Amino acid sequence: MFPTGSWCIEESVGYLLARSRARLAKAIDAELAPHDITASQGGVVMMLASGRCATAADLVREMYVDSASMTRMLDRLEKRGLIQRLPSATDRRVINLQLTEDGVNLAERLPALYGNVMDRHLGGFSKDEIGELKTLLRKLLDADVSGKEGA
């Protein structure tokens, strides 16, 4: 894909994606600081609020965070009174996660806070450019990279 000797990290898609994510996470951290949570913790709260995740294992898979880091994050959120851990009624090995009332209240405010950051960072983009960016990112996420046909 790249001719020998022409590769430049600053032009690497991976580098650009990582730098963009880091910049957005830093800005979200600043936006969420008054609420005493980080961007990652806010992501956990939003994933639980959406119903997309219900356990630590779900969050680890969805957010691509190692289980030890997720456990520490959940401990902090539980200590802050934003989540609670509840044993599963059907499988004693499973601990379900649930937002507390404070967690639900915070989850309701998070989309606007995240939106503020995105508006500032994407303010120079047209509506069409944002649509194209989302289309391309979805295409990247949906790409079959398993190397197996029909997988």
C-alpha atoms as a PDB file:
ATOM      1  CA  MET A   1       0.000   0.000   0.000  1.00  0.00           C
ATOM      2  CA  PHE A   2       2.885   2.397   0.749  1.00  0.00           C
ATOM      3  CA  PRO A   3       5.984   2.610  -1.414  1.00  0.00           C
ATOM      4  CA  THR A   4       9.173   1.930   0.500  1.00  0.00           C
ATOM      5  CA  GLY A   5      10.471   5.028   2.249  1.00  0.00           C
ATOM      6  CA  SER A   6       7.316   7.110   1.779  1.00  0.00           C
ATOM      7  CA  TRP A   7       5.534   6.293   5.032  1.00  0.00           C
ATOM      8  CA  CYS A   8       5.108   9.252   7.380  1.00  0.00           C
ATOM      9  CA  ILE A   9       3.485   8.800  10.785  1.00  0.00           C
ATOM     10  CA  GLU A  10       1.742  12.177  10.610  1.00  0.00           C
ATOM     11  CA  GLU A  11      -0.108  10.930   7.508  1.00  0.00           C
ATOM     12  CA  SER A  12      -0.995   7.540   8.991  1.00  0.00           C
ATOM     13  CA  VAL A  13      -4.749   6.975   9.382  1.00  0.00           C
ATOM     14  CA  GLY A  14      -4.101   5.160  12.668  1.00  0.00           C
ATOM     15  CA  TYR A  15      -2.077   8.077  14.001  1.00  0.00           C
ATOM     16  CA  LEU A  16      -4.703  10.611  12.921  1.00  0.00           C
ATOM     17  CA  LEU A  17      -7.507   8.574  14.508  1.00  0.00           C
ATOM     18  CA  ALA A  18      -5.549   8.144  17.756  1.00  0.00           C
ATOM     19  CA  ARG A  19      -4.628  11.842  17.948  1.00  0.00           C
ATOM     20  CA  SER A  20      -8.227  12.871  17.225  1.00  0.00           C
ATOM     21  CA  ARG A  21      -9.545  10.549  19.910  1.00  0.00           C
ATOM     22  CA  ALA A  22      -6.957  11.788  22.422  1.00  0.00           C
ATOM     23  CA  ARG A  23      -7.797  15.423  21.704  1.00  0.00           C
ATOM     24  CA  LEU A  24     -11.525  14.805  22.093  1.00  0.00           C
ATOM     25  CA  ALA A  25     -11.015  12.789  25.297  1.00  0.00           C
ATOM     26  CA  LYS A  26      -8.904  15.598  26.788  1.00  0.00           C
ATOM     27  CA  ALA A  27     -11.588  18.167  25.927  1.00  0.00           C
ATOM     28  CA  ILE A  28     -14.330  15.927  27.347  1.00  0.00           C
ATOM     29  CA  ASP A  29     -12.275  15.434  30.521  1.00  0.00           C
ATOM     30  CA  ALA A  30     -12.188  19.219  30.921  1.00  0.00           C
ATOM     31  CA  GLU A  31     -15.938  19.514  30.243  1.00  0.00           C
ATOM     32  CA  LEU A  32     -16.730  16.782  32.791  1.00  0.00           C
ATOM     33  CA  ALA A  33     -14.289  17.963  35.479  1.00  0.00           C
ATOM     34  CA  PRO A  34     -16.989  19.942  37.343  1.00  0.00           C
ATOM     35  CA  HIS A  35     -18.903  16.655  37.651  1.00  0.00           C
ATOM     36  CA  ASP A  36     -15.799  14.907  39.021  1.00  0.00           C
ATOM     37  CA  ILE A  37     -15.693  12.221  36.342  1.00  0.00           C
ATOM     38  CA  THR A  38     -13.448  11.502  33.372  1.00  0.00           C
ATOM     39  CA  ALA A  39     -14.387  10.975  29.743  1.00  0.00           C
ATOM     40  CA  SER A  40     -13.951   7.219  30.209  1.00  0.00           C
ATOM     41  CA  GLN A  41     -16.171   7.186  33.278  1.00  0.00           C
ATOM     42  CA  GLY A  42     -18.738   9.265  31.419  1.00  0.00           C
ATOM     43  CA  GLY A  43     -18.623   6.696  28.634  1.00  0.00           C
ATOM     44  CA  VAL A  44     -19.426   3.950  31.136  1.00  0.00           C
ATOM     45  CA  VAL A  45     -22.356   5.933  32.526  1.00  0.00           C
ATOM     46  CA  MET A  46     -23.696   6.553  29.013  1.00  0.00           C
ATOM     47  CA  MET A  47     -23.288   2.889  27.992  1.00  0.00           C
ATOM     48  CA  LEU A  48     -25.201   1.767  31.077  1.00  0.00           C
ATOM     49  CA  ALA A  49     -27.885   4.418  30.534  1.00  0.00           C
ATOM     50  CA  SER A  50     -28.356   3.312  26.927  1.00  0.00           C
ATOM     51  CA  GLY A  51     -28.969  -0.275  27.984  1.00  0.00           C
ATOM     52  CA  ARG A  52     -26.303  -1.426  25.559  1.00  0.00           C
ATOM     53  CA  CYS A  53     -24.193  -2.801  28.427  1.00  0.00           C
ATOM     54  CA  ALA A  54     -25.250  -4.352  31.732  1.00  0.00           C
ATOM     55  CA  THR A  55     -22.083  -5.990  33.083  1.00  0.00           C
ATOM     56  CA  ALA A  56     -18.396  -5.218  33.408  1.00  0.00           C
ATOM     57  CA  ALA A  57     -17.691  -7.828  30.715  1.00  0.00           C
ATOM     58  CA  ASP A  58     -20.071  -6.027  28.332  1.00  0.00           C
ATOM     59  CA  LEU A  59     -18.278  -2.736  28.994  1.00  0.00           C
ATOM     60  CA  VAL A  60     -14.828  -4.291  28.512  1.00  0.00           C
ATOM     61  CA  ARG A  61     -15.863  -5.663  25.097  1.00  0.00           C
ATOM     62  CA  GLU A  62     -17.653  -2.513  23.961  1.00  0.00           C
ATOM     63  CA  MET A  63     -15.130   0.039  25.201  1.00  0.00           C
ATOM     64  CA  TYR A  64     -12.001  -2.051  24.537  1.00  0.00           C
ATOM     65  CA  VAL A  65     -10.585  -1.549  28.023  1.00  0.00           C
ATOM     66  CA  ASP A  66      -8.789  -4.245  30.004  1.00  0.00           C
ATOM     67  CA  SER A  67     -10.795  -5.811  32.813  1.00  0.00           C
ATOM     68  CA  ALA A  68      -8.515  -4.543  35.609  1.00  0.00           C
ATOM     69  CA  SER A  69      -8.905  -0.942  34.412  1.00  0.00           C
ATOM     70  CA  MET A  70     -12.660  -1.409  34.096  1.00  0.00           C
ATOM     71  CA  THR A  71     -12.866  -2.798  37.634  1.00  0.00           C
ATOM     72  CA  ARG A  72     -11.026   0.262  38.987  1.00  0.00           C
ATOM     73  CA  MET A  73     -13.282   2.581  36.993  1.00  0.00           C
ATOM     74  CA  LEU A  74     -16.394   0.830  38.277  1.00  0.00           C
ATOM     75  CA  ASP A  75     -15.046   0.992  41.837  1.00  0.00           C
ATOM     76  CA  ARG A  76     -14.668   4.777  41.480  1.00  0.00           C
ATOM     77  CA  LEU A  77     -18.137   5.184  40.007  1.00  0.00           C
ATOM     78  CA  GLU A  78     -19.639   3.036  42.762  1.00  0.00           C
ATOM     79  CA  LYS A  79     -17.782   5.018  45.440  1.00  0.00           C
ATOM     80  CA  ARG A  80     -19.164   8.225  43.900  1.00  0.00           C
ATOM     81  CA  GLY A  81     -22.660   6.760  44.169  1.00  0.00           C
ATOM     82  CA  LEU A  82     -23.283   6.719  40.405  1.00  0.00           C
ATOM     83  CA  ILE A  83     -23.581   2.954  39.923  1.00  0.00           C
ATOM     84  CA  GLN A  84     -24.406  -0.085  41.965  1.00  0.00           C
ATOM     85  CA  ARG A  85     -23.457  -3.709  41.504  1.00  0.00           C
ATOM     86  CA  LEU A  86     -26.292  -6.213  41.761  1.00  0.00           C
ATOM     87  CA  PRO A  87     -26.004 -10.012  41.678  1.00  0.00           C
ATOM     88  CA  SER A  88     -27.836 -11.610  38.770  1.00  0.00           C
ATOM     89  CA  ALA A  89     -31.036 -13.387  39.725  1.00  0.00           C
ATOM     90  CA  THR A  90     -30.348 -16.124  37.165  1.00  0.00           C
ATOM     91  CA  ASP A  91     -26.559 -16.633  37.270  1.00  0.00           C
ATOM     92  CA  ARG A  92     -24.620 -16.218  40.493  1.00  0.00           C
ATOM     93  CA  ARG A  93     -21.390 -15.670  38.520  1.00  0.00           C
ATOM     94  CA  VAL A  94     -22.778 -12.494  36.936  1.00  0.00           C
ATOM     95  CA  ILE A  95     -22.837  -9.080  38.571  1.00  0.00           C
ATOM     96  CA  ASN A  96     -25.152  -6.625  36.841  1.00  0.00           C
ATOM     97  CA  LEU A  97     -24.445  -2.914  36.870  1.00  0.00           C
ATOM     98  CA  GLN A  98     -27.144  -0.342  37.373  1.00  0.00           C
ATOM     99  CA  LEU A  99     -27.108   3.424  37.538  1.00  0.00           C
ATOM    100  CA  THR A 100     -28.213   4.946  40.807  1.00  0.00           C
ATOM    101  CA  GLU A 101     -30.584   7.908  40.842  1.00  0.00           C
ATOM    102  CA  ASP A 102     -27.540  10.213  40.808  1.00  0.00           C
ATOM    103  CA  GLY A 103     -26.125   8.186  37.919  1.00  0.00           C
ATOM    104  CA  VAL A 104     -29.351   8.514  35.942  1.00  0.00           C
ATOM    105  CA  ASN A 105     -29.411  12.277  36.586  1.00  0.00           C
ATOM    106  CA  LEU A 106     -25.829  12.591  35.373  1.00  0.00           C
ATOM    107  CA  ALA A 107     -26.525  10.378  32.340  1.00  0.00           C
ATOM    108  CA  GLU A 108     -29.311  12.743  31.317  1.00  0.00           C
ATOM    109  CA  ARG A 109     -26.859  15.687  31.288  1.00  0.00           C
ATOM    110  CA  LEU A 110     -23.959  13.927  29.559  1.00  0.00           C
ATOM    111  CA  PRO A 111     -25.183  14.067  25.932  1.00  0.00           C
ATOM    112  CA  ALA A 112     -25.328  17.876  26.073  1.00  0.00           C
ATOM    113  CA  LEU A 113     -21.864  18.059  27.665  1.00  0.00           C
ATOM    114  CA  TYR A 114     -20.373  15.720  25.064  1.00  0.00           C
ATOM    115  CA  GLY A 115     -22.266  17.640  22.390  1.00  0.00           C
ATOM    116  CA  ASN A 116     -20.635  20.906  23.504  1.00  0.00           C
ATOM    117  CA  VAL A 117     -17.207  19.389  22.944  1.00  0.00           C
ATOM    118  CA  MET A 118     -18.139  17.924  19.586  1.00  0.00           C
ATOM    119  CA  ASP A 119     -19.687  21.218  18.451  1.00  0.00           C
ATOM    120  CA  ARG A 120     -16.472  23.077  19.291  1.00  0.00           C
ATOM    121  CA  HIS A 121     -14.256  20.530  17.535  1.00  0.00           C
ATOM    122  CA  LEU A 122     -16.459  20.018  14.493  1.00  0.00           C
ATOM    123  CA  GLY A 123     -17.544  23.638  14.144  1.00  0.00           C
ATOM    124  CA  GLY A 124     -15.470  24.054  10.990  1.00  0.00           C
ATOM    125  CA  PHE A 125     -17.114  21.066   9.311  1.00  0.00           C
ATOM    126  CA  SER A 126     -20.156  21.340   7.070  1.00  0.00           C
ATOM    127  CA  LYS A 127     -23.188  19.132   7.712  1.00  0.00           C
ATOM    128  CA  ASP A 128     -22.208  17.096   4.643  1.00  0.00           C
ATOM    129  CA  GLU A 129     -18.625  16.667   5.885  1.00  0.00           C
ATOM    130  CA  ILE A 130     -19.863  15.430   9.265  1.00  0.00           C
ATOM    131  CA  GLY A 131     -22.169  12.996   7.479  1.00  0.00           C
ATOM    132  CA  GLU A 132     -19.302  11.744   5.313  1.00  0.00           C
ATOM    133  CA  LEU A 133     -17.010  11.393   8.336  1.00  0.00           C
ATOM    134  CA  LYS A 134     -19.652   9.315  10.129  1.00  0.00           C
ATOM    135  CA  THR A 135     -20.185   7.193   7.017  1.00  0.00           C
ATOM    136  CA  LEU A 136     -16.459   6.520   6.694  1.00  0.00           C
ATOM    137  CA  LEU A 137     -16.068   5.697  10.390  1.00  0.00           C
ATOM    138  CA  ARG A 138     -19.012   3.285  10.237  1.00  0.00           C
ATOM    139  CA  LYS A 139     -17.455   1.679   7.160  1.00  0.00           C
ATOM    140  CA  LEU A 140     -14.194   1.250   9.075  1.00  0.00           C
ATOM    141  CA  LEU A 141     -16.037  -0.257  12.051  1.00  0.00           C
ATOM    142  CA  ASP A 142     -18.033  -2.603   9.818  1.00  0.00           C
ATOM    143  CA  ALA A 143     -15.038  -3.779   7.767  1.00  0.00           C
ATOM    144  CA  ASP A 144     -14.455  -7.523   7.796  1.00  0.00           C
ATOM    145  CA  VAL A 145     -10.820  -7.764   8.789  1.00  0.00           C
ATOM    146  CA  SER A 146     -10.918 -11.396   9.870  1.00  0.00           C
ATOM    147  CA  GLY A 147      -9.390 -12.524   6.589  1.00  0.00           C
ATOM    148  CA  LYS A 148     -12.109 -15.158   6.335  1.00  0.00           C
ATOM    149  CA  GLU A 149     -14.544 -14.918   3.472  1.00  0.00           C
ATOM    150  CA  GLY A 150     -18.136 -14.653   4.640  1.00  0.00           C
ATOM    151  CA  ALA A 151     -17.130 -14.301   8.276  1.00  0.00           C
END
